Amino acid sequence: MNKRLSRLQLLNEFESAPTSALFNQHTLAAVLDCSTQLLERNRWEGKGVPYLKIGRKVLYLKSDVLSFLQQQKIYRSTGDVGEFLSLVNE
């Protein structure tokens, strides 16, 4: 049975996992709300979330994903010098 999990199921799996858990690019794409192609391009360009490559598998550590999200800042306007909103609550 090789059914694809829904985005909600992937998000729940990610949320309930310990910070040491490893996830594939399909789960990460659901978490970041992006395509797997974007993740592949980011890996090729050396950008984005740090990853592990074990054989042919690409895996992402949950703690690395959370750190990456914490570093992404949302500015409300160009006038917000030094002020930001975080994607992840501290």
PDB file of N, CA and C in Angstrom:
ATOM      1  N   MET A   1       0.843  -1.174   0.000  1.00  0.00           N
ATOM      2  CA  MET A   1       0.000   0.000   0.000  1.00  0.00           C
ATOM      3  C   MET A   1       0.893   1.244   0.000  1.00  0.00           C
ATOM      4  N   ASN A   2       0.943   1.914  -1.136  1.00  0.00           N
ATOM      5  CA  ASN A   2       1.851   3.047  -1.304  1.00  0.00           C
ATOM      6  C   ASN A   2       1.051   4.324  -1.532  1.00  0.00           C
ATOM      7  N   LYS A   3       0.109   4.594  -0.648  1.00  0.00           N
ATOM      8  CA  LYS A   3      -0.723   5.792  -0.765  1.00  0.00           C
ATOM      9  C   LYS A   3       0.046   7.020  -0.314  1.00  0.00           C
ATOM     10  N   ARG A   4      -0.154   8.099  -1.030  1.00  0.00           N
ATOM     11  CA  ARG A   4       0.420   9.381  -0.615  1.00  0.00           C
ATOM     12  C   ARG A   4      -0.386   9.922   0.550  1.00  0.00           C
ATOM     13  N   LEU A   5       0.311  10.408   1.551  1.00  0.00           N
ATOM     14  CA  LEU A   5      -0.373  11.019   2.686  1.00  0.00           C
ATOM     15  C   LEU A   5      -0.832  12.422   2.304  1.00  0.00           C
ATOM     16  N   SER A   6      -1.931  12.856   2.866  1.00  0.00           N
ATOM     17  CA  SER A   6      -2.411  14.205   2.597  1.00  0.00           C
ATOM     18  C   SER A   6      -1.489  15.215   3.276  1.00  0.00           C
ATOM     19  N   ARG A   7      -1.581  16.451   2.837  1.00  0.00           N
ATOM     20  CA  ARG A   7      -0.745  17.502   3.424  1.00  0.00           C
ATOM     21  C   ARG A   7      -1.008  17.620   4.924  1.00  0.00           C
ATOM     22  N   LEU A   8      -2.249  17.525   5.322  1.00  0.00           N
ATOM     23  CA  LEU A   8      -2.592  17.618   6.741  1.00  0.00           C
ATOM     24  C   LEU A   8      -1.958  16.473   7.535  1.00  0.00           C
ATOM     25  N   GLN A   9      -1.979  15.269   6.980  1.00  0.00           N
ATOM     26  CA  GLN A   9      -1.349  14.128   7.651  1.00  0.00           C
ATOM     27  C   GLN A   9       0.158  14.336   7.778  1.00  0.00           C
ATOM     28  N   LEU A  10       0.783  14.859   6.721  1.00  0.00           N
ATOM     29  CA  LEU A  10       2.225  15.121   6.764  1.00  0.00           C
ATOM     30  C   LEU A  10       2.556  16.180   7.806  1.00  0.00           C
ATOM     31  N   LEU A  11       1.736  17.233   7.878  1.00  0.00           N
ATOM     32  CA  LEU A  11       1.961  18.283   8.876  1.00  0.00           C
ATOM     33  C   LEU A  11       1.793  17.749  10.297  1.00  0.00           C
ATOM     34  N   ASN A  12       0.792  16.911  10.509  1.00  0.00           N
ATOM     35  CA  ASN A  12       0.588  16.310  11.828  1.00  0.00           C
ATOM     36  C   ASN A  12       1.751  15.407  12.205  1.00  0.00           C
ATOM     37  N   GLU A  13       2.239  14.632  11.242  1.00  0.00           N
ATOM     38  CA  GLU A  13       3.386  13.756  11.478  1.00  0.00           C
ATOM     39  C   GLU A  13       4.611  14.581  11.867  1.00  0.00           C
ATOM     40  N   PHE A  14       4.844  15.680  11.151  1.00  0.00           N
ATOM     41  CA  PHE A  14       5.987  16.542  11.438  1.00  0.00           C
ATOM     42  C   PHE A  14       5.848  17.168  12.822  1.00  0.00           C
ATOM     43  N   GLU A  15       4.679  17.697  13.118  1.00  0.00           N
ATOM     44  CA  GLU A  15       4.438  18.396  14.381  1.00  0.00           C
ATOM     45  C   GLU A  15       4.628  17.482  15.586  1.00  0.00           C
ATOM     46  N   SER A  16       4.179  16.247  15.485  1.00  0.00           N
ATOM     47  CA  SER A  16       4.223  15.337  16.636  1.00  0.00           C
ATOM     48  C   SER A  16       5.564  14.620  16.796  1.00  0.00           C
ATOM     49  N   ALA A  17       6.445  14.739  15.830  1.00  0.00           N
ATOM     50  CA  ALA A  17       7.729  14.032  15.882  1.00  0.00           C
ATOM     51  C   ALA A  17       8.729  14.755  16.783  1.00  0.00           C
ATOM     52  N   PRO A  18       9.689  14.010  17.352  1.00  0.00           N
ATOM     53  CA  PRO A  18      10.746  14.656  18.145  1.00  0.00           C
ATOM     54  C   PRO A  18      11.672  15.468  17.238  1.00  0.00           C
ATOM     55  N   THR A  19      12.437  16.375  17.810  1.00  0.00           N
ATOM     56  CA  THR A  19      13.318  17.233  17.001  1.00  0.00           C
ATOM     57  C   THR A  19      14.426  16.442  16.317  1.00  0.00           C
ATOM     58  N   SER A  20      14.676  15.222  16.755  1.00  0.00           N
ATOM     59  CA  SER A  20      15.718  14.401  16.130  1.00  0.00           C
ATOM     60  C   SER A  20      15.193  13.579  14.953  1.00  0.00           C
ATOM     61  N   ALA A  21      13.905  13.716  14.623  1.00  0.00           N
ATOM     62  CA  ALA A  21      13.295  12.937  13.543  1.00  0.00           C
ATOM     63  C   ALA A  21      13.798  13.403  12.179  1.00  0.00           C
ATOM     64  N   LEU A  22      13.837  12.461  11.240  1.00  0.00           N
ATOM     65  CA  LEU A  22      14.232  12.742   9.862  1.00  0.00           C
ATOM     66  C   LEU A  22      13.006  12.653   8.963  1.00  0.00           C
ATOM     67  N   PHE A  23      12.940  13.556   7.972  1.00  0.00           N
ATOM     68  CA  PHE A  23      11.803  13.602   7.062  1.00  0.00           C
ATOM     69  C   PHE A  23      12.274  13.673   5.622  1.00  0.00           C
ATOM     70  N   ASN A  24      11.459  13.103   4.713  1.00  0.00           N
ATOM     71  CA  ASN A  24      11.787  13.167   3.294  1.00  0.00           C
ATOM     72  C   ASN A  24      11.319  14.502   2.709  1.00  0.00           C
ATOM     73  N   GLN A  25      11.626  14.695   1.431  1.00  0.00           N
ATOM     74  CA  GLN A  25      11.316  15.990   0.814  1.00  0.00           C
ATOM     75  C   GLN A  25       9.815  16.194   0.615  1.00  0.00           C
ATOM     76  N   HIS A  26       9.029  15.134   0.557  1.00  0.00           N
ATOM     77  CA  HIS A  26       7.577  15.307   0.416  1.00  0.00           C
ATOM     78  C   HIS A  26       6.982  15.920   1.684  1.00  0.00           C
ATOM     79  N   THR A  27       7.460  15.460   2.836  1.00  0.00           N
ATOM     80  CA  THR A  27       6.990  16.032   4.098  1.00  0.00           C
ATOM     81  C   THR A  27       7.461  17.471   4.232  1.00  0.00           C
ATOM     82  N   LEU A  28       8.730  17.717   3.884  1.00  0.00           N
ATOM     83  CA  LEU A  28       9.252  19.077   3.998  1.00  0.00           C
ATOM     84  C   LEU A  28       8.517  20.031   3.061  1.00  0.00           C
ATOM     85  N   ALA A  29       8.195  19.576   1.862  1.00  0.00           N
ATOM     86  CA  ALA A  29       7.440  20.418   0.928  1.00  0.00           C
ATOM     87  C   ALA A  29       6.078  20.783   1.518  1.00  0.00           C
ATOM     88  N   ALA A  30       5.452  19.845   2.218  1.00  0.00           N
ATOM     89  CA  ALA A  30       4.171  20.133   2.868  1.00  0.00           C
ATOM     90  C   ALA A  30       4.352  21.152   3.989  1.00  0.00           C
ATOM     91  N   VAL A  31       5.412  21.004   4.769  1.00  0.00           N
ATOM     92  CA  VAL A  31       5.671  21.919   5.889  1.00  0.00           C
ATOM     93  C   VAL A  31       5.953  23.328   5.381  1.00  0.00           C
ATOM     94  N   LEU A  32       6.762  23.437   4.331  1.00  0.00           N
ATOM     95  CA  LEU A  32       7.143  24.747   3.803  1.00  0.00           C
ATOM     96  C   LEU A  32       6.157  25.275   2.766  1.00  0.00           C
ATOM     97  N   ASP A  33       5.159  24.470   2.413  1.00  0.00           N
ATOM     98  CA  ASP A  33       4.172  24.834   1.400  1.00  0.00           C
ATOM     99  C   ASP A  33       4.854  25.232   0.091  1.00  0.00           C
ATOM    100  N   CYS A  34       5.714  24.327  -0.384  1.00  0.00           N
ATOM    101  CA  CYS A  34       6.412  24.544  -1.649  1.00  0.00           C
ATOM    102  C   CYS A  34       6.465  23.217  -2.401  1.00  0.00           C
ATOM    103  N   SER A  35       7.024  23.229  -3.582  1.00  0.00           N
ATOM    104  CA  SER A  35       7.127  22.002  -4.371  1.00  0.00           C
ATOM    105  C   SER A  35       8.419  21.255  -4.051  1.00  0.00           C
ATOM    106  N   THR A  36       8.413  19.967  -4.362  1.00  0.00           N
ATOM    107  CA  THR A  36       9.644  19.192  -4.192  1.00  0.00           C
ATOM    108  C   THR A  36      10.703  19.670  -5.188  1.00  0.00           C
ATOM    109  N   GLN A  37      10.269  20.194  -6.329  1.00  0.00           N
ATOM    110  CA  GLN A  37      11.212  20.723  -7.315  1.00  0.00           C
ATOM    111  C   GLN A  37      11.971  21.924  -6.767  1.00  0.00           C
ATOM    112  N   LEU A  38      11.288  22.772  -6.004  1.00  0.00           N
ATOM    113  CA  LEU A  38      11.966  23.918  -5.393  1.00  0.00           C
ATOM    114  C   LEU A  38      13.017  23.435  -4.394  1.00  0.00           C
ATOM    115  N   LEU A  39      12.684  22.425  -3.606  1.00  0.00           N
ATOM    116  CA  LEU A  39      13.655  21.874  -2.656  1.00  0.00           C
ATOM    117  C   LEU A  39      14.866  21.304  -3.392  1.00  0.00           C
ATOM    118  N   GLU A  40      14.615  20.607  -4.506  1.00  0.00           N
ATOM    119  CA  GLU A  40      15.711  20.048  -5.305  1.00  0.00           C
ATOM    120  C   GLU A  40      16.597  21.162  -5.859  1.00  0.00           C
ATOM    121  N   ARG A  41      15.981  22.208  -6.380  1.00  0.00           N
ATOM    122  CA  ARG A  41      16.756  23.330  -6.917  1.00  0.00           C
ATOM    123  C   ARG A  41      17.557  24.008  -5.814  1.00  0.00           C
ATOM    124  N   ASN A  42      16.957  24.205  -4.644  1.00  0.00           N
ATOM    125  CA  ASN A  42      17.681  24.811  -3.525  1.00  0.00           C
ATOM    126  C   ASN A  42      18.880  23.965  -3.113  1.00  0.00           C
ATOM    127  N   ARG A  43      18.717  22.643  -3.099  1.00  0.00           N
ATOM    128  CA  ARG A  43      19.856  21.775  -2.769  1.00  0.00           C
ATOM    129  C   ARG A  43      20.959  21.942  -3.804  1.00  0.00           C
ATOM    130  N   TRP A  44      20.583  21.970  -5.070  1.00  0.00           N
ATOM    131  CA  TRP A  44      21.560  22.110  -6.148  1.00  0.00           C
ATOM    132  C   TRP A  44      22.298  23.450  -6.047  1.00  0.00           C
ATOM    133  N   GLU A  45      21.578  24.506  -5.658  1.00  0.00           N
ATOM    134  CA  GLU A  45      22.171  25.840  -5.530  1.00  0.00           C
ATOM    135  C   GLU A  45      22.863  26.050  -4.188  1.00  0.00           C
ATOM    136  N   GLY A  46      22.757  25.084  -3.281  1.00  0.00           N
ATOM    137  CA  GLY A  46      23.388  25.213  -1.967  1.00  0.00           C
ATOM    138  C   GLY A  46      22.637  26.147  -1.038  1.00  0.00           C
ATOM    139  N   LYS A  47      21.326  26.287  -1.256  1.00  0.00           N
ATOM    140  CA  LYS A  47      20.499  27.168  -0.424  1.00  0.00           C
ATOM    141  C   LYS A  47      19.471  26.336   0.321  1.00  0.00           C
ATOM    142  N   GLY A  48      18.713  26.994   1.166  1.00  0.00           N
ATOM    143  CA  GLY A  48      17.590  26.342   1.815  1.00  0.00           C
ATOM    144  C   GLY A  48      17.956  25.577   3.067  1.00  0.00           C
ATOM    145  N   VAL A  49      17.127  24.605   3.397  1.00  0.00           N
ATOM    146  CA  VAL A  49      17.263  23.822   4.622  1.00  0.00           C
ATOM    147  C   VAL A  49      18.426  22.839   4.478  1.00  0.00           C
ATOM    148  N   PRO A  50      19.305  22.758   5.487  1.00  0.00           N
ATOM    149  CA  PRO A  50      20.371  21.749   5.450  1.00  0.00           C
ATOM    150  C   PRO A  50      19.756  20.345   5.350  1.00  0.00           C
ATOM    151  N   TYR A  51      20.459  19.442   4.673  1.00  0.00           N
ATOM    152  CA  TYR A  51      19.918  18.099   4.464  1.00  0.00           C
ATOM    153  C   TYR A  51      21.005  17.051   4.627  1.00  0.00           C
ATOM    154  N   LEU A  52      20.570  15.820   4.793  1.00  0.00           N
ATOM    155  CA  LEU A  52      21.465  14.669   4.846  1.00  0.00           C
ATOM    156  C   LEU A  52      21.210  13.837   3.604  1.00  0.00           C
ATOM    157  N   LYS A  53      22.261  13.288   3.032  1.00  0.00           N
ATOM    158  CA  LYS A  53      22.083  12.388   1.904  1.00  0.00           C
ATOM    159  C   LYS A  53      22.631  11.039   2.328  1.00  0.00           C
ATOM    160  N   ILE A  54      21.760  10.064   2.411  1.00  0.00           N
ATOM    161  CA  ILE A  54      22.131   8.711   2.800  1.00  0.00           C
ATOM    162  C   ILE A  54      21.818   7.820   1.605  1.00  0.00           C
ATOM    163  N   GLY A  55      22.874   7.403   0.924  1.00  0.00           N
ATOM    164  CA  GLY A  55      22.667   6.678  -0.326  1.00  0.00           C
ATOM    165  C   GLY A  55      22.029   7.621  -1.327  1.00  0.00           C
ATOM    166  N   ARG A  56      20.878   7.231  -1.840  1.00  0.00           N
ATOM    167  CA  ARG A  56      20.149   8.091  -2.774  1.00  0.00           C
ATOM    168  C   ARG A  56      19.045   8.885  -2.086  1.00  0.00           C
ATOM    169  N   LYS A  57      18.849   8.635  -0.794  1.00  0.00           N
ATOM    170  CA  LYS A  57      17.790   9.323  -0.044  1.00  0.00           C
ATOM    171  C   LYS A  57      18.257  10.670   0.474  1.00  0.00           C
ATOM    172  N   VAL A  58      17.397  11.657   0.340  1.00  0.00           N
ATOM    173  CA  VAL A  58      17.628  12.981   0.911  1.00  0.00           C
ATOM    174  C   VAL A  58      16.684  13.120   2.097  1.00  0.00           C
ATOM    175  N   LEU A  59      17.257  13.445   3.256  1.00  0.00           N
ATOM    176  CA  LEU A  59      16.466  13.559   4.479  1.00  0.00           C
ATOM    177  C   LEU A  59      16.760  14.874   5.178  1.00  0.00           C
ATOM    178  N   TYR A  60      15.764  15.369   5.880  1.00  0.00           N
ATOM    179  CA  TYR A  60      15.872  16.633   6.599  1.00  0.00           C
ATOM    180  C   TYR A  60      15.619  16.382   8.081  1.00  0.00           C
ATOM    181  N   LEU A  61      16.485  16.906   8.933  1.00  0.00           N
ATOM    182  CA  LEU A  61      16.347  16.801  10.377  1.00  0.00           C
ATOM    183  C   LEU A  61      15.357  17.865  10.853  1.00  0.00           C
ATOM    184  N   LYS A  62      14.399  17.474  11.669  1.00  0.00           N
ATOM    185  CA  LYS A  62      13.366  18.413  12.125  1.00  0.00           C
ATOM    186  C   LYS A  62      13.981  19.638  12.788  1.00  0.00           C
ATOM    187  N   SER A  63      15.009  19.455  13.604  1.00  0.00           N
ATOM    188  CA  SER A  63      15.624  20.610  14.276  1.00  0.00           C
ATOM    189  C   SER A  63      16.228  21.577  13.259  1.00  0.00           C
ATOM    190  N   ASP A  64      16.774  21.065  12.139  1.00  0.00           N
ATOM    191  CA  ASP A  64      17.300  21.940  11.084  1.00  0.00           C
ATOM    192  C   ASP A  64      16.174  22.711  10.399  1.00  0.00           C
ATOM    193  N   VAL A  65      15.043  22.051  10.192  1.00  0.00           N
ATOM    194  CA  VAL A  65      13.888  22.706   9.565  1.00  0.00           C
ATOM    195  C   VAL A  65      13.383  23.836  10.463  1.00  0.00           C
ATOM    196  N   LEU A  66      13.266  23.557  11.764  1.00  0.00           N
ATOM    197  CA  LEU A  66      12.790  24.584  12.698  1.00  0.00           C
ATOM    198  C   LEU A  66      13.769  25.756  12.778  1.00  0.00           C
ATOM    199  N   SER A  67      15.069  25.477  12.756  1.00  0.00           N
ATOM    200  CA  SER A  67      16.077  26.548  12.762  1.00  0.00           C
ATOM    201  C   SER A  67      15.975  27.391  11.499  1.00  0.00           C
ATOM    202  N   PHE A  68      15.796  26.731  10.357  1.00  0.00           N
ATOM    203  CA  PHE A  68      15.650  27.435   9.089  1.00  0.00           C
ATOM    204  C   PHE A  68      14.435  28.358   9.138  1.00  0.00           C
ATOM    205  N   LEU A  69      13.312  27.851   9.631  1.00  0.00           N
ATOM    206  CA  LEU A  69      12.102  28.674   9.721  1.00  0.00           C
ATOM    207  C   LEU A  69      12.297  29.853  10.662  1.00  0.00           C
ATOM    208  N   GLN A  70      13.003  29.636  11.750  1.00  0.00           N
ATOM    209  CA  GLN A  70      13.250  30.708  12.713  1.00  0.00           C
ATOM    210  C   GLN A  70      14.069  31.833  12.079  1.00  0.00           C
ATOM    211  N   GLN A  71      14.949  31.489  11.141  1.00  0.00           N
ATOM    212  CA  GLN A  71      15.814  32.484  10.501  1.00  0.00           C
ATOM    213  C   GLN A  71      15.091  33.291   9.425  1.00  0.00           C
ATOM    214  N   GLN A  72      13.939  32.806   8.981  1.00  0.00           N
ATOM    215  CA  GLN A  72      13.192  33.509   7.938  1.00  0.00           C
ATOM    216  C   GLN A  72      12.359  34.604   8.586  1.00  0.00           C
ATOM    217  N   LYS A  73      12.619  35.818   8.244  1.00  0.00           N
ATOM    218  CA  LYS A  73      11.929  36.954   8.858  1.00  0.00           C
ATOM    219  C   LYS A  73      10.930  37.551   7.882  1.00  0.00           C
ATOM    220  N   ILE A  74       9.812  37.988   8.409  1.00  0.00           N
ATOM    221  CA  ILE A  74       8.789  38.646   7.603  1.00  0.00           C
ATOM    222  C   ILE A  74       8.765  40.116   7.991  1.00  0.00           C
ATOM    223  N   TYR A  75       9.062  40.977   7.038  1.00  0.00           N
ATOM    224  CA  TYR A  75       9.011  42.415   7.271  1.00  0.00           C
ATOM    225  C   TYR A  75       7.661  42.937   6.803  1.00  0.00           C
ATOM    226  N   ARG A  76       7.051  43.777   7.623  1.00  0.00           N
ATOM    227  CA  ARG A  76       5.747  44.341   7.266  1.00  0.00           C
ATOM    228  C   ARG A  76       5.885  45.409   6.194  1.00  0.00           C
ATOM    229  N   SER A  77       6.986  46.149   6.225  1.00  0.00           N
ATOM    230  CA  SER A  77       7.238  47.160   5.204  1.00  0.00           C
ATOM    231  C   SER A  77       8.723  47.490   5.224  1.00  0.00           C
ATOM    232  N   THR A  78       9.167  48.235   4.246  1.00  0.00           N
ATOM    233  CA  THR A  78      10.575  48.620   4.208  1.00  0.00           C
ATOM    234  C   THR A  78      10.928  49.573   5.328  1.00  0.00           C
ATOM    235  N   GLY A  79       9.927  50.193   5.949  1.00  0.00           N
ATOM    236  CA  GLY A  79      10.165  51.110   7.060  1.00  0.00           C
ATOM    237  C   GLY A  79      10.383  50.412   8.398  1.00  0.00           C
ATOM    238  N   ASP A  80      10.175  49.114   8.441  1.00  0.00           N
ATOM    239  CA  ASP A  80      10.345  48.351   9.684  1.00  0.00           C
ATOM    240  C   ASP A  80      11.806  47.975   9.883  1.00  0.00           C
ATOM    241  N   VAL A  81      12.627  48.942  10.169  1.00  0.00           N
ATOM    242  CA  VAL A  81      14.049  48.690  10.359  1.00  0.00           C
ATOM    243  C   VAL A  81      14.244  47.942  11.667  1.00  0.00           C
ATOM    244  N   GLY A  82      14.787  46.760  11.561  1.00  0.00           N
ATOM    245  CA  GLY A  82      15.076  45.971  12.747  1.00  0.00           C
ATOM    246  C   GLY A  82      13.883  45.282  13.372  1.00  0.00           C
ATOM    247  N   GLU A  83      12.685  45.562  12.906  1.00  0.00           N
ATOM    248  CA  GLU A  83      11.500  44.897  13.439  1.00  0.00           C
ATOM    249  C   GLU A  83      11.106  43.776  12.493  1.00  0.00           C
ATOM    250  N   PHE A  84      10.687  42.673  13.057  1.00  0.00           N
ATOM    251  CA  PHE A  84      10.290  41.554  12.218  1.00  0.00           C
ATOM    252  C   PHE A  84       9.233  40.715  12.907  1.00  0.00           C
ATOM    253  N   LEU A  85       8.553  39.928  12.115  1.00  0.00           N
ATOM    254  CA  LEU A  85       7.624  38.919  12.619  1.00  0.00           C
ATOM    255  C   LEU A  85       8.247  37.573  12.315  1.00  0.00           C
ATOM    256  N   SER A  86       8.213  36.672  13.233  1.00  0.00           N
ATOM    257  CA  SER A  86       8.800  35.355  13.032  1.00  0.00           C
ATOM    258  C   SER A  86       7.744  34.377  12.534  1.00  0.00           C
ATOM    259  N   LEU A  87       8.141  33.429  11.691  1.00  0.00           N
ATOM    260  CA  LEU A  87       7.240  32.377  11.243  1.00  0.00           C
ATOM    261  C   LEU A  87       6.999  31.360  12.344  1.00  0.00           C
ATOM    262  N   VAL A  88       7.943  31.236  13.256  1.00  0.00           N
ATOM    263  CA  VAL A  88       7.850  30.266  14.342  1.00  0.00           C
ATOM    264  C   VAL A  88       7.852  31.025  15.648  1.00  0.00           C
ATOM    265  N   ASN A  89       6.903  30.738  16.505  1.00  0.00           N
ATOM    266  CA  ASN A  89       6.852  31.407  17.808  1.00  0.00           C
ATOM    267  C   ASN A  89       8.007  30.968  18.677  1.00  0.00           C
ATOM    268  N   GLU A  90       8.551  31.910  19.412  1.00  0.00           N
ATOM    269  CA  GLU A  90       9.660  31.588  20.307  1.00  0.00           C
ATOM    270  C   GLU A  90       9.139  31.139  21.640  1.00  0.00           C
TER     271      GLU A  90
END
